[in-house]
Amino acid sequence: MTELAYLRTIDDAYVREFRARVVALPPGGVVLDRTYFYPTGGGQPADRGQLRADGQPAVEVLDVNKSGPAVVHRTASGPARTALTVGEEVAGTIDWERRHRHMRLHTAQHFVSGRIFARTGRRTRKANFSGTRATVEVDGPLDEALLAPLAEDVRGAVAPPRAVTVRHLPRAEWDRHPLSERSGLVPLPAQVDPVRVVEIDGYDVCPCGGTHLRSTGEIGELRFDRPVPLGDGGTRLVFTLEAASAPTG
């Protein structure tokens, strides 16, 4: 079993380097006893980076996936990968530019989904991220006139910024008191317990296992594309990070 160390607190999403122990070496992969690498899931792409045993060249991490209770770090082949042994300690280094971009996109998606719900009552049924773009699908029509208010909402959350927090609640407590009417339609799997709750102060409360920013001030400017009607009555909305990077203050 791999401990998902990035889940514990909001600050754990900012860890760029860590040490862990190799517990298994499946073909083409490395399983650690704990990891800060995010594995693909929930619409968020996996992290990339490196693993390095003491005195050895770095092994490139090309993909990260869950396999039951384990997280498999898919690695490049070569002598450095072959030299790894079960039980040894390695240093992990995360591609921070990629990680932080995904944190900005994911936090922005929660914020945008929350504002769409507050303004229209439309709920997000799916979201995913690629490069500097996020795609949100909602359960009904959206008017293009909504884009200007949404952009203004984002600017108002960037300055002054709103705090983003993480807490862990027993599943029974979440089911009794889910804290707010959810902006999302994705059901919470039955086996999730405790529930990791991500809250944007004053804007959104959502169970989520992704990596997020400490505050909305790091999101930066967003550019919204025109909403695209879908054949089933829903709408696809795409937004893009205007700048490649943002302050991590």
Protein backbone atom coordinates (compact mmCIF):
# COMPACT_ATOMS: atom_id res chain seq x y z
CA MET A 1 0.00 0.00 0.00
CA THR A 2 1.26 3.47 -0.87
CA GLU A 3 0.58 6.39 1.46
CA LEU A 4 -0.76 9.34 -0.58
CA ALA A 5 1.24 11.94 1.33
CA TYR A 6 0.01 14.88 -0.78
CA LEU A 7 -3.52 14.42 0.63
CA ARG A 8 -2.86 15.31 4.25
CA THR A 9 -2.85 19.11 4.24
CA ILE A 10 -3.00 21.94 1.72
CA ASP A 11 0.74 22.53 2.28
CA ASP A 12 1.58 18.96 1.27
CA ALA A 13 0.63 19.83 -2.32
CA TYR A 14 3.64 22.17 -2.33
CA VAL A 15 6.20 19.47 -1.48
CA ARG A 16 8.65 19.23 -4.38
CA GLU A 17 11.21 16.77 -2.97
CA PHE A 18 10.78 13.84 -0.59
CA ARG A 19 12.32 10.54 0.44
CA ALA A 20 10.57 7.17 0.37
CA ARG A 21 11.35 3.46 0.31
CA VAL A 22 10.94 1.11 -2.66
CA VAL A 23 8.45 -1.66 -1.79
CA ALA A 24 7.95 -3.27 -5.22
CA LEU A 25 9.38 -3.18 -8.74
CA PRO A 26 6.67 -4.30 -11.19
CA PRO A 27 7.63 -4.33 -14.90
CA GLY A 28 8.32 -0.76 -15.99
CA GLY A 29 7.40 0.73 -12.64
CA VAL A 30 8.36 1.55 -9.06
CA VAL A 31 6.07 1.31 -6.02
CA LEU A 32 7.02 3.37 -2.97
CA ASP A 33 5.81 3.19 0.62
CA ARG A 34 4.66 6.80 0.28
CA THR A 35 4.53 9.35 -2.50
CA TYR A 36 3.88 13.00 -3.23
CA PHE A 37 3.44 12.25 -6.95
CA TYR A 38 -0.18 12.66 -7.98
CA PRO A 39 -1.52 9.64 -9.93
CA THR A 40 -3.94 10.22 -12.81
CA GLY A 41 -7.51 10.53 -11.55
CA GLY A 42 -10.50 12.81 -11.15
CA GLY A 43 -9.75 14.57 -14.44
CA GLN A 44 -6.30 15.66 -13.20
CA PRO A 45 -3.23 14.35 -15.08
CA ALA A 46 -0.39 12.62 -13.26
CA ASP A 47 2.73 14.36 -12.06
CA ARG A 48 6.11 13.84 -13.70
CA GLY A 49 9.58 14.02 -12.21
CA GLN A 50 12.47 11.84 -11.10
CA LEU A 51 13.45 9.15 -8.61
CA ARG A 52 17.08 8.82 -7.54
CA ALA A 53 18.83 6.27 -5.35
CA ASP A 54 21.88 7.55 -3.46
CA GLY A 55 24.91 7.61 -5.73
CA GLN A 56 22.89 6.62 -8.82
CA PRO A 57 21.66 8.57 -11.87
CA ALA A 58 18.08 9.78 -11.80
CA VAL A 59 15.24 7.65 -13.17
CA GLU A 60 12.62 9.65 -15.09
CA VAL A 61 9.02 9.24 -13.90
CA LEU A 62 6.92 9.30 -17.08
CA ASP A 63 3.49 8.53 -15.64
CA VAL A 64 1.86 7.69 -12.30
CA ASN A 65 -1.18 5.44 -11.84
CA LYS A 66 -3.08 3.77 -9.03
CA SER A 67 -3.18 -0.02 -8.99
CA GLY A 68 -5.43 -1.07 -6.14
CA PRO A 69 -3.90 0.26 -2.91
CA ALA A 70 -0.53 0.89 -4.61
CA VAL A 71 0.72 3.79 -6.72
CA VAL A 72 2.91 2.74 -9.64
CA HIS A 73 5.47 5.27 -10.86
CA ARG A 74 5.99 4.36 -14.52
CA THR A 75 9.64 4.96 -15.34
CA ALA A 76 12.03 5.13 -18.25
CA SER A 77 14.06 1.98 -18.81
CA GLY A 78 17.84 1.93 -18.44
CA PRO A 79 20.66 1.08 -16.05
CA ALA A 80 19.46 3.46 -13.31
CA ARG A 81 16.03 1.78 -13.25
CA THR A 82 17.59 -1.70 -13.28
CA ALA A 83 19.85 -0.78 -10.36
CA LEU A 84 16.92 -0.01 -8.03
CA THR A 85 16.25 -2.63 -5.35
CA VAL A 86 13.32 -3.35 -3.06
CA GLY A 87 13.92 -1.90 0.39
CA GLU A 88 16.26 0.91 -0.60
CA GLU A 89 15.49 4.57 -0.04
CA VAL A 90 15.12 6.94 -2.97
CA ALA A 91 14.68 10.68 -3.36
CA GLY A 92 11.68 11.85 -5.37
CA THR A 93 11.65 15.17 -7.22
CA ILE A 94 8.41 16.48 -8.72
CA ASP A 95 8.23 18.58 -11.89
CA TRP A 96 7.02 21.69 -10.07
CA GLU A 97 5.97 23.73 -13.09
CA ARG A 98 3.62 20.94 -14.20
CA ARG A 99 2.34 20.28 -10.65
CA HIS A 100 1.63 23.95 -9.94
CA ARG A 101 -0.13 24.40 -13.29
CA HIS A 102 -2.45 21.52 -12.40
CA MET A 103 -3.05 23.01 -8.94
CA ARG A 104 -4.04 26.31 -10.57
CA LEU A 105 -6.35 24.59 -13.05
CA HIS A 106 -7.99 22.35 -10.46
CA THR A 107 -8.56 25.15 -7.94
CA ALA A 108 -9.87 27.38 -10.74
CA GLN A 109 -12.25 24.61 -11.82
CA HIS A 110 -13.71 24.33 -8.30
CA PHE A 111 -14.13 28.10 -8.21
CA VAL A 112 -15.69 28.33 -11.68
CA SER A 113 -18.02 25.38 -11.03
CA GLY A 114 -19.09 27.00 -7.76
CA ARG A 115 -19.83 30.32 -9.47
CA ILE A 116 -21.72 28.67 -12.34
CA PHE A 117 -23.88 26.87 -9.79
CA ALA A 118 -24.44 30.05 -7.76
CA ARG A 119 -25.37 32.08 -10.84
CA THR A 120 -27.37 29.52 -12.84
CA GLY A 121 -28.07 26.43 -10.72
CA ARG A 122 -26.18 24.32 -13.27
CA ARG A 123 -24.06 21.55 -11.78
CA THR A 124 -20.72 20.25 -13.03
CA ARG A 125 -20.92 16.64 -14.15
CA LYS A 126 -17.35 16.26 -15.46
CA ALA A 127 -14.08 18.22 -15.55
CA ASN A 128 -10.61 17.51 -16.89
CA PHE A 129 -7.34 19.32 -17.49
CA SER A 130 -4.75 19.27 -20.24
CA GLY A 131 -1.78 21.60 -20.65
CA THR A 132 -3.02 25.05 -19.61
CA ARG A 133 -6.70 24.34 -20.33
CA ALA A 134 -9.60 23.02 -18.27
CA THR A 135 -12.83 21.61 -19.66
CA VAL A 136 -16.00 21.72 -17.56
CA GLU A 137 -19.25 20.05 -18.57
CA VAL A 138 -22.47 21.17 -16.86
CA ASP A 139 -25.94 19.65 -16.83
CA GLY A 140 -27.80 22.27 -18.83
CA PRO A 141 -27.48 25.27 -21.17
CA LEU A 142 -25.19 28.22 -20.45
CA ASP A 143 -25.59 31.62 -22.06
CA GLU A 144 -22.52 33.35 -23.50
CA ALA A 145 -23.53 36.40 -21.46
CA LEU A 146 -22.34 34.48 -18.37
CA LEU A 147 -18.69 34.74 -19.43
CA ALA A 148 -18.15 38.38 -18.45
CA PRO A 149 -19.55 37.91 -14.90
CA LEU A 150 -17.47 34.73 -14.48
CA ALA A 151 -14.30 36.56 -15.53
CA GLU A 152 -15.13 39.32 -13.05
CA ASP A 153 -15.70 36.71 -10.33
CA VAL A 154 -12.23 35.29 -11.00
CA ARG A 155 -10.57 38.71 -10.85
CA GLY A 156 -12.35 39.37 -7.55
CA ALA A 157 -11.03 36.10 -6.10
CA VAL A 158 -7.45 36.71 -7.23
CA ALA A 159 -7.25 40.12 -5.56
CA PRO A 160 -8.00 40.00 -2.72
CA PRO A 161 -7.36 36.25 -2.54
CA ARG A 162 -9.53 33.71 -0.73
CA ALA A 163 -8.04 30.91 1.36
CA VAL A 164 -8.27 27.29 0.22
CA THR A 165 -8.35 24.70 3.00
CA VAL A 166 -8.43 20.91 3.34
CA ARG A 167 -10.07 18.89 6.09
CA HIS A 168 -10.91 15.22 6.58
CA LEU A 169 -14.36 14.17 7.82
CA PRO A 170 -15.71 10.74 8.74
CA ARG A 171 -17.95 9.51 5.91
CA ALA A 172 -20.96 9.20 8.23
CA GLU A 173 -20.56 12.85 9.26
CA TRP A 174 -20.31 13.99 5.62
CA ASP A 175 -23.40 12.00 4.68
CA ARG A 176 -25.38 13.53 7.56
CA HIS A 177 -24.17 17.08 6.96
CA PRO A 178 -22.56 17.57 3.53
CA LEU A 179 -21.72 21.20 4.44
CA SER A 180 -23.26 22.79 1.35
CA GLU A 181 -25.37 22.06 -1.66
CA ARG A 182 -22.78 20.64 -4.04
CA SER A 183 -21.93 22.28 -7.36
CA GLY A 184 -20.83 18.89 -8.71
CA LEU A 185 -22.75 15.82 -9.79
CA VAL A 186 -19.94 13.26 -9.59
CA PRO A 187 -21.01 10.74 -6.93
CA LEU A 188 -18.70 10.05 -3.99
CA PRO A 189 -17.59 6.37 -4.16
CA ALA A 190 -18.95 4.24 -1.33
CA GLN A 191 -15.47 3.19 -0.13
CA VAL A 192 -14.25 6.77 0.45
CA ASP A 193 -13.87 7.23 4.21
CA PRO A 194 -12.79 9.65 5.54
CA VAL A 195 -13.93 12.31 3.07
CA ARG A 196 -11.32 14.86 2.04
CA VAL A 197 -13.10 18.20 1.75
CA VAL A 198 -11.60 21.11 -0.20
CA GLU A 199 -13.11 24.50 0.60
CA ILE A 200 -12.62 27.85 -1.13
CA ASP A 201 -13.57 30.37 1.54
CA GLY A 202 -16.99 31.77 0.76
CA TYR A 203 -17.28 30.14 -2.68
CA ASP A 204 -17.24 26.34 -2.81
CA VAL A 205 -17.08 23.20 -0.67
CA CYS A 206 -16.36 19.93 -2.45
CA PRO A 207 -15.03 16.44 -1.67
CA CYS A 208 -11.88 16.05 -3.75
CA GLY A 209 -8.63 14.08 -3.85
CA GLY A 210 -6.71 16.48 -6.09
CA THR A 211 -3.89 18.92 -5.39
CA HIS A 212 -4.90 22.53 -4.77
CA LEU A 213 -3.52 26.00 -4.12
CA ARG A 214 -3.26 27.65 -0.71
CA SER A 215 -5.30 30.57 -2.03
CA THR A 216 -7.17 31.76 -5.09
CA GLY A 217 -4.53 34.48 -5.52
CA GLU A 218 -2.31 31.96 -7.33
CA ILE A 219 -4.88 31.15 -10.04
CA GLY A 220 -4.04 34.18 -12.19
CA GLU A 221 -6.08 35.39 -15.16
CA LEU A 222 -8.37 33.00 -17.04
CA ARG A 223 -9.64 33.24 -20.60
CA PHE A 224 -13.04 31.67 -21.30
CA ASP A 225 -14.05 30.18 -24.64
CA ARG A 226 -17.63 30.39 -25.84
CA PRO A 227 -19.87 27.71 -24.28
CA VAL A 228 -20.48 24.73 -26.57
CA PRO A 229 -23.94 23.07 -26.44
CA LEU A 230 -23.84 19.28 -26.23
CA GLY A 231 -26.25 16.86 -27.85
CA ASP A 232 -27.61 15.65 -24.51
CA GLY A 233 -28.62 19.15 -23.39
CA GLY A 234 -25.50 19.90 -21.40
CA THR A 235 -22.82 22.49 -22.11
CA ARG A 236 -19.04 22.34 -22.40
CA LEU A 237 -17.07 25.33 -21.13
CA VAL A 238 -13.31 25.62 -21.65
CA PHE A 239 -11.01 28.08 -19.90
CA THR A 240 -7.28 28.67 -20.25
CA LEU A 241 -4.61 29.99 -17.90
CA GLU A 242 -3.49 33.28 -19.41
CA ALA A 243 0.03 33.07 -17.97
CA ALA A 244 2.26 29.99 -17.94
CA SER A 245 3.13 30.52 -14.29
CA ALA A 246 1.83 32.40 -11.27
CA PRO A 247 3.38 33.51 -7.96
CA THR A 248 3.54 30.80 -5.30
CA GLY A 249 3.46 33.30 -2.44
